[in-house]
Amino acid sequence: MNIRKTKIEDLLILETNVISDLRGYFYRAYSKESMSEIGIMDEFIQTNISYNFSKGTIRGMHMQLSPHSEIKLIRCIKGSVYDVVIDMRKNSVTFLQYFGVELSESNALSMLIPKGFAHGFQTLEDNSIMLYQHSSIYNSNSEFSVSFLEPRINIKWPLD
């Protein structure tokens, strides 16, 4: 696994080592040991899958507030998406800034999202599937969202 830092502190892109041959491919989607090596000691205790029928679908921007805030490990396992996070940490120099990256089955990238970020995505292909790992169990009373069209943030979505 290679680690790519982003313009936002603590937000990481993880490059997976993919082994391919005539049969297909194999990669390790998660390793507790690899997470420990980069300082992530929280355990992922919930896994979710999001299936999206249509290209252009937007989901987000969601997060959980303290005491149920969570680290997320996000990966697209079929199709492709433009994955976006917004830094909602009030004391951060990048407060209300967003970062976006294409995650796809073919590039095998994942995004490691720290606590304090709203997350969402836009599908770039029909029938895209996202795999989420969470360090906290979902709590509806802690749910918080930001409009994906919030003008102060001005996300540049790739599709109309």
C-alpha atoms as a PDB file:
ATOM      1  CA  MET A   1       0.000   0.000   0.000  1.00  0.00           C
ATOM      2  CA  ASN A   2       1.262   3.453  -0.931  1.00  0.00           C
ATOM      3  CA  ILE A   3      -0.005   6.552   0.861  1.00  0.00           C
ATOM      4  CA  ARG A   4      -0.744   9.779  -0.971  1.00  0.00           C
ATOM      5  CA  LYS A   5      -1.247  12.922   1.123  1.00  0.00           C
ATOM      6  CA  THR A   6      -3.819  15.493   0.003  1.00  0.00           C
ATOM      7  CA  LYS A   7      -4.046  19.275   0.334  1.00  0.00           C
ATOM      8  CA  ILE A   8      -6.131  18.723   3.491  1.00  0.00           C
ATOM      9  CA  GLU A   9      -4.266  17.630   6.610  1.00  0.00           C
ATOM     10  CA  ASP A  10      -4.973  14.059   7.758  1.00  0.00           C
ATOM     11  CA  LEU A  11      -6.963  13.171   4.606  1.00  0.00           C
ATOM     12  CA  LEU A  12      -5.204  10.346   2.755  1.00  0.00           C
ATOM     13  CA  ILE A  13      -5.534   8.482  -0.526  1.00  0.00           C
ATOM     14  CA  LEU A  14      -4.421   4.862  -0.298  1.00  0.00           C
ATOM     15  CA  GLU A  15      -2.995   3.200  -3.394  1.00  0.00           C
ATOM     16  CA  THR A  16      -3.592  -0.519  -3.391  1.00  0.00           C
ATOM     17  CA  ASN A  17      -1.130  -3.044  -4.767  1.00  0.00           C
ATOM     18  CA  VAL A  18      -3.199  -4.936  -7.332  1.00  0.00           C
ATOM     19  CA  ILE A  19      -2.059  -8.352  -8.545  1.00  0.00           C
ATOM     20  CA  SER A  20      -3.495  -9.108 -11.991  1.00  0.00           C
ATOM     21  CA  ASP A  21      -3.291 -12.100 -14.298  1.00  0.00           C
ATOM     22  CA  LEU A  22      -5.410 -13.822 -16.945  1.00  0.00           C
ATOM     23  CA  ARG A  23      -7.972 -14.862 -14.319  1.00  0.00           C
ATOM     24  CA  GLY A  24      -8.618 -11.342 -13.030  1.00  0.00           C
ATOM     25  CA  TYR A  25      -7.175  -9.464 -10.082  1.00  0.00           C
ATOM     26  CA  PHE A  26      -6.625  -9.619  -6.336  1.00  0.00           C
ATOM     27  CA  TYR A  27      -5.904  -6.947  -3.746  1.00  0.00           C
ATOM     28  CA  ARG A  28      -6.110  -6.538  -0.016  1.00  0.00           C
ATOM     29  CA  ALA A  29      -8.922  -4.056   0.638  1.00  0.00           C
ATOM     30  CA  TYR A  30      -8.103  -3.651   4.336  1.00  0.00           C
ATOM     31  CA  SER A  31      -5.367  -4.596   6.772  1.00  0.00           C
ATOM     32  CA  LYS A  32      -5.400  -3.642  10.453  1.00  0.00           C
ATOM     33  CA  GLU A  33      -1.602  -3.854  10.415  1.00  0.00           C
ATOM     34  CA  SER A  34      -1.355  -1.345   7.521  1.00  0.00           C
ATOM     35  CA  MET A  35      -3.691   1.041   9.324  1.00  0.00           C
ATOM     36  CA  SER A  36      -1.585   0.795  12.492  1.00  0.00           C
ATOM     37  CA  GLU A  37       1.543   1.599  10.477  1.00  0.00           C
ATOM     38  CA  ILE A  38       0.023   4.937   9.429  1.00  0.00           C
ATOM     39  CA  GLY A  39      -1.225   5.747  12.923  1.00  0.00           C
ATOM     40  CA  ILE A  40      -4.853   4.639  12.649  1.00  0.00           C
ATOM     41  CA  MET A  41      -5.545   2.713  15.835  1.00  0.00           C
ATOM     42  CA  ASP A  42      -9.354   2.841  15.628  1.00  0.00           C
ATOM     43  CA  GLU A  43     -11.010  -0.371  14.516  1.00  0.00           C
ATOM     44  CA  PHE A  44     -13.514  -0.470  11.697  1.00  0.00           C
ATOM     45  CA  ILE A  45     -16.661  -1.924  13.248  1.00  0.00           C
ATOM     46  CA  GLN A  46     -19.294  -1.378  10.557  1.00  0.00           C
ATOM     47  CA  THR A  47     -19.217  -2.023   6.810  1.00  0.00           C
ATOM     48  CA  ASN A  48     -21.787  -0.619   4.386  1.00  0.00           C
ATOM     49  CA  ILE A  49     -22.371  -1.039   0.668  1.00  0.00           C
ATOM     50  CA  SER A  50     -24.033   1.567  -1.539  1.00  0.00           C
ATOM     51  CA  TYR A  51     -25.364   0.390  -4.905  1.00  0.00           C
ATOM     52  CA  ASN A  52     -26.222   3.158  -7.364  1.00  0.00           C
ATOM     53  CA  PHE A  53     -28.274   2.468 -10.490  1.00  0.00           C
ATOM     54  CA  SER A  54     -27.605   5.597 -12.542  1.00  0.00           C
ATOM     55  CA  LYS A  55     -24.641   7.631 -13.718  1.00  0.00           C
ATOM     56  CA  GLY A  56     -24.787  11.144 -12.207  1.00  0.00           C
ATOM     57  CA  THR A  57     -26.352  10.088  -8.889  1.00  0.00           C
ATOM     58  CA  ILE A  58     -25.163  12.221  -5.957  1.00  0.00           C
ATOM     59  CA  ARG A  59     -25.161  10.952  -2.379  1.00  0.00           C
ATOM     60  CA  GLY A  60     -24.029  13.116   0.497  1.00  0.00           C
ATOM     61  CA  MET A  61     -22.730  15.176   2.129  1.00  0.00           C
ATOM     62  CA  HIS A  62     -23.052  13.247   5.404  1.00  0.00           C
ATOM     63  CA  MET A  63     -21.196  12.857   8.671  1.00  0.00           C
ATOM     64  CA  GLN A  64     -21.791  11.935  12.286  1.00  0.00           C
ATOM     65  CA  LEU A  65     -21.162  14.448  15.043  1.00  0.00           C
ATOM     66  CA  SER A  66     -19.377  13.732  18.308  1.00  0.00           C
ATOM     67  CA  PRO A  67     -19.556  11.536  20.320  1.00  0.00           C
ATOM     68  CA  HIS A  68     -20.332   9.266  17.337  1.00  0.00           C
ATOM     69  CA  SER A  69     -17.930  10.846  14.844  1.00  0.00           C
ATOM     70  CA  GLU A  70     -16.131   8.287  12.731  1.00  0.00           C
ATOM     71  CA  ILE A  71     -13.189   7.496  10.542  1.00  0.00           C
ATOM     72  CA  LYS A  72     -14.245   6.135   7.145  1.00  0.00           C
ATOM     73  CA  LEU A  73     -12.366   4.026   4.650  1.00  0.00           C
ATOM     74  CA  ILE A  74     -14.103   4.423   1.281  1.00  0.00           C
ATOM     75  CA  ARG A  75     -13.587   2.387  -1.900  1.00  0.00           C
ATOM     76  CA  CYS A  76     -15.452   1.967  -5.196  1.00  0.00           C
ATOM     77  CA  ILE A  77     -15.602  -1.753  -5.998  1.00  0.00           C
ATOM     78  CA  LYS A  78     -17.611  -1.525  -9.236  1.00  0.00           C
ATOM     79  CA  GLY A  79     -17.819   1.305 -11.735  1.00  0.00           C
ATOM     80  CA  SER A  80     -16.475   4.733 -10.773  1.00  0.00           C
ATOM     81  CA  VAL A  81     -17.354   7.759  -8.670  1.00  0.00           C
ATOM     82  CA  TYR A  82     -16.128  11.259  -7.966  1.00  0.00           C
ATOM     83  CA  ASP A  83     -15.668  11.014  -4.190  1.00  0.00           C
ATOM     84  CA  VAL A  84     -15.774  14.244  -2.164  1.00  0.00           C
ATOM     85  CA  VAL A  85     -15.123  15.295   1.415  1.00  0.00           C
ATOM     86  CA  ILE A  86     -15.631  18.652   3.122  1.00  0.00           C
ATOM     87  CA  ASP A  87     -13.444  19.624   6.062  1.00  0.00           C
ATOM     88  CA  MET A  88     -15.933  20.498   8.816  1.00  0.00           C
ATOM     89  CA  ARG A  89     -13.300  20.863  11.568  1.00  0.00           C
ATOM     90  CA  LYS A  90     -13.829  24.432  12.779  1.00  0.00           C
ATOM     91  CA  ASN A  91     -10.225  24.859  13.973  1.00  0.00           C
ATOM     92  CA  SER A  92      -8.713  23.578  10.721  1.00  0.00           C
ATOM     93  CA  VAL A  93      -6.967  25.903   8.263  1.00  0.00           C
ATOM     94  CA  THR A  94      -8.955  24.121   5.529  1.00  0.00           C
ATOM     95  CA  PHE A  95     -12.359  24.496   7.247  1.00  0.00           C
ATOM     96  CA  LEU A  96     -15.161  24.322   4.613  1.00  0.00           C
ATOM     97  CA  GLN A  97     -12.730  23.377   1.846  1.00  0.00           C
ATOM     98  CA  TYR A  98     -13.447  20.275  -0.179  1.00  0.00           C
ATOM     99  CA  PHE A  99     -11.315  17.647  -1.820  1.00  0.00           C
ATOM    100  CA  GLY A 100     -12.431  15.319  -4.589  1.00  0.00           C
ATOM    101  CA  VAL A 101     -10.873  12.298  -6.279  1.00  0.00           C
ATOM    102  CA  GLU A 102     -12.028   9.632  -8.704  1.00  0.00           C
ATOM    103  CA  LEU A 103     -12.350   6.232  -7.070  1.00  0.00           C
ATOM    104  CA  SER A 104     -12.983   3.302  -9.364  1.00  0.00           C
ATOM    105  CA  GLU A 105     -12.841  -0.413  -9.699  1.00  0.00           C
ATOM    106  CA  SER A 106      -9.965   0.018 -12.166  1.00  0.00           C
ATOM    107  CA  ASN A 107      -7.763   2.399 -10.132  1.00  0.00           C
ATOM    108  CA  ALA A 108      -8.327   0.513  -6.803  1.00  0.00           C
ATOM    109  CA  LEU A 109      -7.790   3.712  -4.791  1.00  0.00           C
ATOM    110  CA  SER A 110      -9.427   4.245  -1.440  1.00  0.00           C
ATOM    111  CA  MET A 111      -9.843   7.361   0.677  1.00  0.00           C
ATOM    112  CA  LEU A 112      -9.153   7.359   4.403  1.00  0.00           C
ATOM    113  CA  ILE A 113     -11.388  10.058   5.864  1.00  0.00           C
ATOM    114  CA  PRO A 114     -10.656  11.277   9.395  1.00  0.00           C
ATOM    115  CA  LYS A 115     -13.251  12.361  11.925  1.00  0.00           C
ATOM    116  CA  GLY A 116     -14.777  15.758  11.216  1.00  0.00           C
ATOM    117  CA  PHE A 117     -15.387  15.459   7.467  1.00  0.00           C
ATOM    118  CA  ALA A 118     -18.656  15.357   5.536  1.00  0.00           C
ATOM    119  CA  HIS A 119     -18.571  12.769   2.750  1.00  0.00           C
ATOM    120  CA  GLY A 120     -20.423  12.184  -0.503  1.00  0.00           C
ATOM    121  CA  PHE A 121     -19.952  11.177  -4.124  1.00  0.00           C
ATOM    122  CA  GLN A 122     -21.298  11.390  -7.658  1.00  0.00           C
ATOM    123  CA  THR A 123     -21.451   8.234  -9.765  1.00  0.00           C
ATOM    124  CA  LEU A 124     -19.573   8.429 -13.051  1.00  0.00           C
ATOM    125  CA  GLU A 125     -20.996   5.144 -14.366  1.00  0.00           C
ATOM    126  CA  ASP A 126     -24.265   3.240 -14.093  1.00  0.00           C
ATOM    127  CA  ASN A 127     -24.336   0.428 -11.525  1.00  0.00           C
ATOM    128  CA  SER A 128     -21.508   1.753  -9.359  1.00  0.00           C
ATOM    129  CA  ILE A 129     -20.938   0.143  -5.975  1.00  0.00           C
ATOM    130  CA  MET A 130     -19.237   1.758  -2.970  1.00  0.00           C
ATOM    131  CA  LEU A 131     -17.793  -0.053   0.037  1.00  0.00           C
ATOM    132  CA  TYR A 132     -17.604   1.917   3.300  1.00  0.00           C
ATOM    133  CA  GLN A 133     -15.852   0.883   6.494  1.00  0.00           C
ATOM    134  CA  HIS A 134     -16.679   2.876   9.641  1.00  0.00           C
ATOM    135  CA  SER A 135     -15.008   3.192  13.025  1.00  0.00           C
ATOM    136  CA  SER A 136     -18.338   3.921  14.726  1.00  0.00           C
ATOM    137  CA  ILE A 137     -21.827   2.437  14.573  1.00  0.00           C
ATOM    138  CA  TYR A 138     -24.401   4.650  12.833  1.00  0.00           C
ATOM    139  CA  ASN A 139     -26.395   6.815  15.239  1.00  0.00           C
ATOM    140  CA  SER A 140     -29.310   8.728  13.665  1.00  0.00           C
ATOM    141  CA  ASN A 141     -29.239  11.339  16.450  1.00  0.00           C
ATOM    142  CA  SER A 142     -25.676  12.278  15.456  1.00  0.00           C
ATOM    143  CA  GLU A 143     -26.361  12.538  11.702  1.00  0.00           C
ATOM    144  CA  PHE A 144     -25.373  15.841  10.108  1.00  0.00           C
ATOM    145  CA  SER A 145     -25.468  16.832   6.464  1.00  0.00           C
ATOM    146  CA  VAL A 146     -24.417  19.687   4.231  1.00  0.00           C
ATOM    147  CA  SER A 147     -26.106  20.426   0.912  1.00  0.00           C
ATOM    148  CA  PHE A 148     -24.077  19.115  -2.031  1.00  0.00           C
ATOM    149  CA  LEU A 149     -24.928  22.460  -3.693  1.00  0.00           C
ATOM    150  CA  GLU A 150     -23.830  24.665  -0.747  1.00  0.00           C
ATOM    151  CA  PRO A 151     -22.575  27.864  -2.455  1.00  0.00           C
ATOM    152  CA  ARG A 152     -19.942  28.617   0.224  1.00  0.00           C
ATOM    153  CA  ILE A 153     -18.266  25.322  -0.613  1.00  0.00           C
ATOM    154  CA  ASN A 154     -18.998  25.327  -4.373  1.00  0.00           C
ATOM    155  CA  ILE A 155     -18.185  21.708  -5.206  1.00  0.00           C
ATOM    156  CA  LYS A 156     -17.370  21.300  -8.905  1.00  0.00           C
ATOM    157  CA  TRP A 157     -19.264  18.104  -9.686  1.00  0.00           C
ATOM    158  CA  PRO A 158     -18.049  16.506 -12.945  1.00  0.00           C
ATOM    159  CA  LEU A 159     -21.561  15.754 -14.278  1.00  0.00           C
ATOM    160  CA  ASP A 160     -24.746  17.832 -14.429  1.00  0.00           C
END
